[in-house]
């Protein structure tokens, strides 16, 4: 999928593992390691294969106390990166 929109439904790739150590979060896919910040971690964990991008955006806005537009931009940007790196699937 090339275009992320509010009705897209992302799910975490089964090949990716999440690890937390010393307050840092890392996503591990095969031999690739990705350090993620707390917002990226919230977005990645929300990719449950049920919630659409609109729902994820709304939940990020509420839980992170962000304006909806800023949350949408962040969610879409993270999802684009995650998709490029095969961390999420559609």
Protein backbone atom coordinates (compact mmCIF):
# COMPACT_ATOMS: atom_id res chain seq x y z
CA UNK A 1 0.00 0.00 0.00
CA UNK A 2 1.51 3.33 -1.04
CA UNK A 3 -1.03 5.77 0.38
CA UNK A 4 -1.94 5.93 4.05
CA UNK A 5 -5.40 7.34 4.70
CA UNK A 6 -7.70 7.54 7.72
CA UNK A 7 -9.50 4.31 6.80
CA UNK A 8 -6.30 2.28 6.38
CA UNK A 9 -5.94 -0.49 8.96
CA UNK A 10 -2.32 -1.20 9.89
CA UNK A 11 -1.15 -4.25 11.82
CA UNK A 12 2.20 -5.00 13.39
CA UNK A 13 4.33 -7.36 11.36
CA UNK A 14 4.62 -10.77 12.99
CA UNK A 15 8.36 -10.68 12.30
CA UNK A 16 8.87 -7.68 14.60
CA UNK A 17 9.57 -7.89 18.30
CA UNK A 18 9.41 -5.00 20.76
CA UNK A 19 11.96 -4.76 23.54
CA UNK A 20 12.32 -2.24 26.35
CA UNK A 21 15.58 -1.81 28.20
CA UNK A 22 16.83 0.99 30.41
CA UNK A 23 13.82 3.15 29.50
CA UNK A 24 14.43 2.81 25.75
CA UNK A 25 12.23 0.97 23.26
CA UNK A 26 13.57 -0.97 20.32
CA UNK A 27 11.79 -2.75 17.49
CA UNK A 28 13.66 -5.75 16.13
CA UNK A 29 12.98 -7.23 12.71
CA UNK A 30 15.29 -10.05 11.68
CA UNK A 31 18.75 -8.46 12.09
CA UNK A 32 17.51 -4.86 11.95
CA UNK A 33 17.18 -2.81 15.12
CA UNK A 34 15.11 0.38 15.37
CA UNK A 35 15.24 2.71 18.36
CA UNK A 36 11.85 4.39 18.68
CA UNK A 37 10.73 7.33 20.76
CA UNK A 38 7.70 7.14 23.04
CA UNK A 39 5.26 8.51 20.44
CA UNK A 40 6.45 6.08 17.77
CA UNK A 41 6.03 3.28 20.31
CA UNK A 42 2.43 4.33 21.03
CA UNK A 43 1.66 4.37 17.30
CA UNK A 44 3.34 1.01 16.67
CA UNK A 45 1.50 -0.68 19.55
CA UNK A 46 -1.81 0.73 18.24
CA UNK A 47 -1.34 -1.14 14.94
CA UNK A 48 -3.52 -4.03 16.03
CA UNK A 49 -5.09 -4.95 12.67
CA UNK A 50 -8.47 -3.71 13.92
CA UNK A 51 -8.07 0.04 14.50
CA UNK A 52 -7.98 2.31 11.47
CA UNK A 53 -5.63 5.28 11.13
CA UNK A 54 -8.42 7.69 12.08
CA UNK A 55 -9.00 5.86 15.39
CA UNK A 56 -5.29 5.63 16.09
CA UNK A 57 -4.92 9.35 15.38
CA UNK A 58 -7.78 10.24 17.72
CA UNK A 59 -6.39 8.04 20.50
CA UNK A 60 -2.91 9.54 20.09
CA UNK A 61 -4.36 13.06 20.22
CA UNK A 62 -6.26 12.29 23.43
CA UNK A 63 -3.64 10.23 25.26
CA UNK A 64 -0.70 12.44 24.27
CA UNK A 65 -2.63 15.73 24.70
CA UNK A 66 -1.93 16.81 21.12
CA UNK A 67 -4.03 18.76 18.63
CA UNK A 68 -5.77 16.34 16.24
CA UNK A 69 -3.96 17.76 13.19
CA UNK A 70 -0.54 17.34 14.78
CA UNK A 71 -1.42 13.83 15.89
CA UNK A 72 -2.56 12.95 12.35
CA UNK A 73 0.68 14.24 10.85
CA UNK A 74 2.76 12.27 13.37
CA UNK A 75 0.76 9.05 12.99
CA UNK A 76 0.88 9.16 9.20
CA UNK A 77 4.61 9.95 9.20
CA UNK A 78 5.41 7.08 11.58
CA UNK A 79 3.21 4.67 9.65
CA UNK A 80 4.94 5.59 6.40
CA UNK A 81 8.32 4.86 8.00
CA UNK A 82 7.05 1.64 9.58
CA UNK A 83 5.64 0.48 6.24
CA UNK A 84 8.86 1.30 4.39
CA UNK A 85 10.80 -0.76 6.93
CA UNK A 86 8.21 -3.60 6.89
CA UNK A 87 7.39 -3.08 10.57
CA UNK A 88 3.67 -2.84 9.78
CA UNK A 89 1.48 -4.46 7.17
CA UNK A 90 -1.86 -3.45 5.63
